[in-house]
Amino acid sequence: MGWERWAMRIFAATVFLVAFVNAAWAESALFPKSRWFAVDALNGTSLRGKGLTLFVEPEGASSAAFAKGFGGCNDWRSWFDMAGDTEVSFTEFTDTERVCSNQQRMQIEKDYLAALAKVKEFQLEGEMLSLTGDGVTLRLSPKK
């Protein structure tokens, strides 16, 4: 009985230390679903205050989910899928097809949606979300 109790304590301490020491690893498998994010930057260019958003809505118990947001002129939607601990993808985009009179806004929206389509991985650093892929890096923060 003494040996079993000691072994269980060692096991519990090991599990605690792994989770504590490597908190980023413990968090990496949890994409922040059901939370609104605002886009702060695309490839280092600030987009803060442009109104671009992202929200991932779980779709049952599977890894598939529904993503939506605002691109600057239009509301958009897509499928969202997690293939691994940090692997994600956005596919089959649709939008409200409004035309903005502001050409700069239309270009920002086009660049944002094109970047989302290239995303392959995510990383959560505290409350900050990074989405990266083929030549793109999106930085997002919780929408206030």
C-alpha atoms as a PDB file:
ATOM      1  CA  MET A   1       0.000   0.000   0.000  1.00  0.00           C
ATOM      2  CA  GLY A   2       2.804   2.439   0.807  1.00  0.00           C
ATOM      3  CA  TRP A   3       4.513   1.843  -2.557  1.00  0.00           C
ATOM      4  CA  GLU A   4       1.286   2.427  -4.525  1.00  0.00           C
ATOM      5  CA  ARG A   5       0.565   5.660  -2.694  1.00  0.00           C
ATOM      6  CA  TRP A   6       4.125   6.891  -3.323  1.00  0.00           C
ATOM      7  CA  ALA A   7       3.887   5.969  -7.037  1.00  0.00           C
ATOM      8  CA  MET A   8       0.567   7.832  -7.389  1.00  0.00           C
ATOM      9  CA  ARG A   9       2.064  10.933  -5.762  1.00  0.00           C
ATOM     10  CA  ILE A  10       5.044  10.837  -8.140  1.00  0.00           C
ATOM     11  CA  PHE A  11       2.692  10.421 -11.105  1.00  0.00           C
ATOM     12  CA  ALA A  12       0.457  13.310  -9.985  1.00  0.00           C
ATOM     13  CA  ALA A  13       3.467  15.565  -9.387  1.00  0.00           C
ATOM     14  CA  THR A  14       4.861  14.728 -12.835  1.00  0.00           C
ATOM     15  CA  VAL A  15       1.572  15.542 -14.563  1.00  0.00           C
ATOM     16  CA  PHE A  16       1.317  18.828 -12.644  1.00  0.00           C
ATOM     17  CA  LEU A  17       4.902  19.823 -13.496  1.00  0.00           C
ATOM     18  CA  VAL A  18       4.501  19.045 -17.198  1.00  0.00           C
ATOM     19  CA  ALA A  19       1.355  21.177 -17.378  1.00  0.00           C
ATOM     20  CA  PHE A  20       2.848  23.968 -15.264  1.00  0.00           C
ATOM     21  CA  VAL A  21       6.288  24.167 -16.891  1.00  0.00           C
ATOM     22  CA  ASN A  22       4.952  23.899 -20.404  1.00  0.00           C
ATOM     23  CA  ALA A  23       1.698  25.853 -20.202  1.00  0.00           C
ATOM     24  CA  ALA A  24       1.876  26.788 -23.884  1.00  0.00           C
ATOM     25  CA  TRP A  25       1.843  23.092 -24.796  1.00  0.00           C
ATOM     26  CA  ALA A  26      -1.082  22.427 -22.500  1.00  0.00           C
ATOM     27  CA  GLU A  27      -3.000  25.322 -24.107  1.00  0.00           C
ATOM     28  CA  SER A  28      -2.017  24.662 -27.727  1.00  0.00           C
ATOM     29  CA  ALA A  29      -4.720  22.075 -28.408  1.00  0.00           C
ATOM     30  CA  LEU A  30      -7.452  24.492 -27.377  1.00  0.00           C
ATOM     31  CA  PHE A  31      -8.342  26.857 -30.185  1.00  0.00           C
ATOM     32  CA  PRO A  32     -10.358  29.677 -28.585  1.00  0.00           C
ATOM     33  CA  LYS A  33     -13.829  28.924 -29.923  1.00  0.00           C
ATOM     34  CA  SER A  34     -16.947  30.938 -29.087  1.00  0.00           C
ATOM     35  CA  ARG A  35     -14.887  34.124 -28.602  1.00  0.00           C
ATOM     36  CA  TRP A  36     -14.755  37.225 -30.781  1.00  0.00           C
ATOM     37  CA  PHE A  37     -11.344  38.440 -31.925  1.00  0.00           C
ATOM     38  CA  ALA A  38     -10.333  41.703 -33.572  1.00  0.00           C
ATOM     39  CA  VAL A  39      -7.597  41.661 -36.213  1.00  0.00           C
ATOM     40  CA  ASP A  40      -4.639  43.750 -35.076  1.00  0.00           C
ATOM     41  CA  ALA A  41      -2.166  43.125 -37.903  1.00  0.00           C
ATOM     42  CA  LEU A  42      -1.591  41.309 -41.186  1.00  0.00           C
ATOM     43  CA  ASN A  43       2.055  40.598 -42.022  1.00  0.00           C
ATOM     44  CA  GLY A  44       3.162  43.353 -39.658  1.00  0.00           C
ATOM     45  CA  THR A  45       0.816  46.001 -41.115  1.00  0.00           C
ATOM     46  CA  SER A  46      -1.513  47.400 -38.477  1.00  0.00           C
ATOM     47  CA  LEU A  47      -5.210  46.820 -39.069  1.00  0.00           C
ATOM     48  CA  ARG A  48      -6.237  47.856 -35.580  1.00  0.00           C
ATOM     49  CA  GLY A  49      -9.412  49.888 -35.632  1.00  0.00           C
ATOM     50  CA  LYS A  50     -10.451  48.704 -39.119  1.00  0.00           C
ATOM     51  CA  GLY A  51     -13.255  46.565 -37.670  1.00  0.00           C
ATOM     52  CA  LEU A  52     -12.023  43.203 -38.956  1.00  0.00           C
ATOM     53  CA  THR A  53     -13.232  40.339 -36.779  1.00  0.00           C
ATOM     54  CA  LEU A  54     -13.135  36.565 -36.348  1.00  0.00           C
ATOM     55  CA  PHE A  55     -15.403  34.213 -34.424  1.00  0.00           C
ATOM     56  CA  VAL A  56     -15.204  30.401 -34.490  1.00  0.00           C
ATOM     57  CA  GLU A  57     -18.374  28.600 -33.540  1.00  0.00           C
ATOM     58  CA  PRO A  58     -18.128  24.890 -32.590  1.00  0.00           C
ATOM     59  CA  GLU A  59     -20.093  22.452 -34.758  1.00  0.00           C
ATOM     60  CA  GLY A  60     -20.944  19.577 -32.426  1.00  0.00           C
ATOM     61  CA  ALA A  61     -18.284  17.180 -31.138  1.00  0.00           C
ATOM     62  CA  SER A  62     -16.223  17.040 -34.345  1.00  0.00           C
ATOM     63  CA  SER A  63     -13.128  19.079 -35.151  1.00  0.00           C
ATOM     64  CA  ALA A  64     -15.129  21.027 -37.751  1.00  0.00           C
ATOM     65  CA  ALA A  65     -16.585  24.381 -36.848  1.00  0.00           C
ATOM     66  CA  PHE A  66     -18.042  27.437 -38.484  1.00  0.00           C
ATOM     67  CA  ALA A  67     -16.068  30.687 -38.696  1.00  0.00           C
ATOM     68  CA  LYS A  68     -17.522  34.127 -39.281  1.00  0.00           C
ATOM     69  CA  GLY A  69     -16.627  37.759 -38.996  1.00  0.00           C
ATOM     70  CA  PHE A  70     -16.507  41.171 -40.602  1.00  0.00           C
ATOM     71  CA  GLY A  71     -14.002  41.973 -43.337  1.00  0.00           C
ATOM     72  CA  GLY A  72     -14.331  45.748 -43.454  1.00  0.00           C
ATOM     73  CA  CYS A  73     -17.222  45.907 -45.940  1.00  0.00           C
ATOM     74  CA  ASN A  74     -18.895  42.514 -45.746  1.00  0.00           C
ATOM     75  CA  ASP A  75     -19.811  39.878 -43.225  1.00  0.00           C
ATOM     76  CA  TRP A  76     -18.127  36.599 -44.140  1.00  0.00           C
ATOM     77  CA  ARG A  77     -18.468  32.916 -43.236  1.00  0.00           C
ATOM     78  CA  SER A  78     -16.354  29.813 -43.794  1.00  0.00           C
ATOM     79  CA  TRP A  79     -15.758  26.319 -42.552  1.00  0.00           C
ATOM     80  CA  PHE A  80     -13.048  25.976 -39.921  1.00  0.00           C
ATOM     81  CA  ASP A  81     -11.244  22.713 -39.244  1.00  0.00           C
ATOM     82  CA  MET A  82      -8.581  21.567 -36.785  1.00  0.00           C
ATOM     83  CA  ALA A  83      -6.413  18.771 -38.144  1.00  0.00           C
ATOM     84  CA  GLY A  84      -3.946  18.518 -35.238  1.00  0.00           C
ATOM     85  CA  ASP A  85      -2.840  20.268 -32.081  1.00  0.00           C
ATOM     86  CA  THR A  86      -2.070  23.537 -33.873  1.00  0.00           C
ATOM     87  CA  GLU A  87      -3.120  22.843 -37.485  1.00  0.00           C
ATOM     88  CA  VAL A  88      -6.180  24.748 -38.688  1.00  0.00           C
ATOM     89  CA  SER A  89      -7.804  25.736 -41.961  1.00  0.00           C
ATOM     90  CA  PHE A  90     -10.525  28.065 -43.215  1.00  0.00           C
ATOM     91  CA  THR A  91     -12.352  26.946 -46.385  1.00  0.00           C
ATOM     92  CA  GLU A  92     -15.417  27.640 -48.532  1.00  0.00           C
ATOM     93  CA  PHE A  93     -15.775  31.361 -47.913  1.00  0.00           C
ATOM     94  CA  THR A  94     -19.001  33.240 -48.538  1.00  0.00           C
ATOM     95  CA  ASP A  95     -19.747  36.886 -47.908  1.00  0.00           C
ATOM     96  CA  THR A  96     -22.605  39.350 -48.154  1.00  0.00           C
ATOM     97  CA  GLU A  97     -21.249  40.721 -51.480  1.00  0.00           C
ATOM     98  CA  ARG A  98     -21.729  44.387 -50.646  1.00  0.00           C
ATOM     99  CA  VAL A  99     -19.540  46.782 -52.565  1.00  0.00           C
ATOM    100  CA  CYS A 100     -17.771  49.419 -50.523  1.00  0.00           C
ATOM    101  CA  SER A 101     -17.330  52.854 -52.015  1.00  0.00           C
ATOM    102  CA  ASN A 102     -13.979  52.981 -50.226  1.00  0.00           C
ATOM    103  CA  GLN A 103     -11.496  51.078 -52.427  1.00  0.00           C
ATOM    104  CA  GLN A 104      -8.898  50.886 -49.635  1.00  0.00           C
ATOM    105  CA  ARG A 105     -11.437  49.098 -47.421  1.00  0.00           C
ATOM    106  CA  MET A 106     -12.285  46.673 -50.219  1.00  0.00           C
ATOM    107  CA  GLN A 107      -8.581  45.883 -50.653  1.00  0.00           C
ATOM    108  CA  ILE A 108      -8.096  45.318 -46.915  1.00  0.00           C
ATOM    109  CA  GLU A 109     -11.046  42.914 -46.911  1.00  0.00           C
ATOM    110  CA  LYS A 110      -9.693  41.071 -49.955  1.00  0.00           C
ATOM    111  CA  ASP A 111      -6.245  40.766 -48.318  1.00  0.00           C
ATOM    112  CA  TYR A 112      -7.751  39.601 -44.997  1.00  0.00           C
ATOM    113  CA  LEU A 113      -9.875  36.851 -46.549  1.00  0.00           C
ATOM    114  CA  ALA A 114      -7.005  35.743 -48.799  1.00  0.00           C
ATOM    115  CA  ALA A 115      -4.774  35.527 -45.705  1.00  0.00           C
ATOM    116  CA  LEU A 116      -7.357  33.449 -43.805  1.00  0.00           C
ATOM    117  CA  ALA A 117      -7.520  31.027 -46.740  1.00  0.00           C
ATOM    118  CA  LYS A 118      -3.739  30.476 -46.415  1.00  0.00           C
ATOM    119  CA  VAL A 119      -3.724  29.909 -42.643  1.00  0.00           C
ATOM    120  CA  LYS A 120      -2.371  26.532 -41.552  1.00  0.00           C
ATOM    121  CA  GLU A 121      -1.475  26.955 -37.882  1.00  0.00           C
ATOM    122  CA  PHE A 122      -2.467  28.880 -34.806  1.00  0.00           C
ATOM    123  CA  GLN A 123      -0.666  29.836 -31.626  1.00  0.00           C
ATOM    124  CA  LEU A 124      -2.255  31.232 -28.501  1.00  0.00           C
ATOM    125  CA  GLU A 125      -0.017  33.482 -26.385  1.00  0.00           C
ATOM    126  CA  GLY A 126      -2.046  34.490 -23.363  1.00  0.00           C
ATOM    127  CA  GLU A 127      -5.111  36.062 -24.948  1.00  0.00           C
ATOM    128  CA  MET A 128      -3.334  36.953 -28.218  1.00  0.00           C
ATOM    129  CA  LEU A 129      -4.025  34.698 -31.201  1.00  0.00           C
ATOM    130  CA  SER A 130      -1.595  34.253 -34.096  1.00  0.00           C
ATOM    131  CA  LEU A 131      -2.665  32.613 -37.344  1.00  0.00           C
ATOM    132  CA  THR A 132       0.121  31.689 -39.755  1.00  0.00           C
ATOM    133  CA  GLY A 133       0.412  30.025 -43.140  1.00  0.00           C
ATOM    134  CA  ASP A 134       1.937  30.391 -46.594  1.00  0.00           C
ATOM    135  CA  GLY A 135       3.484  33.851 -46.314  1.00  0.00           C
ATOM    136  CA  VAL A 136       0.860  35.212 -43.924  1.00  0.00           C
ATOM    137  CA  THR A 137       0.777  36.107 -40.252  1.00  0.00           C
ATOM    138  CA  LEU A 138      -2.367  37.449 -38.651  1.00  0.00           C
ATOM    139  CA  ARG A 139      -2.300  38.810 -35.098  1.00  0.00           C
ATOM    140  CA  LEU A 140      -5.603  39.024 -33.251  1.00  0.00           C
ATOM    141  CA  SER A 141      -6.687  40.131 -29.810  1.00  0.00           C
ATOM    142  CA  PRO A 142      -9.925  39.573 -27.888  1.00  0.00           C
ATOM    143  CA  LYS A 143     -12.594  41.964 -29.109  1.00  0.00           C
ATOM    144  CA  LYS A 144     -13.644  44.365 -26.408  1.00  0.00           C
END
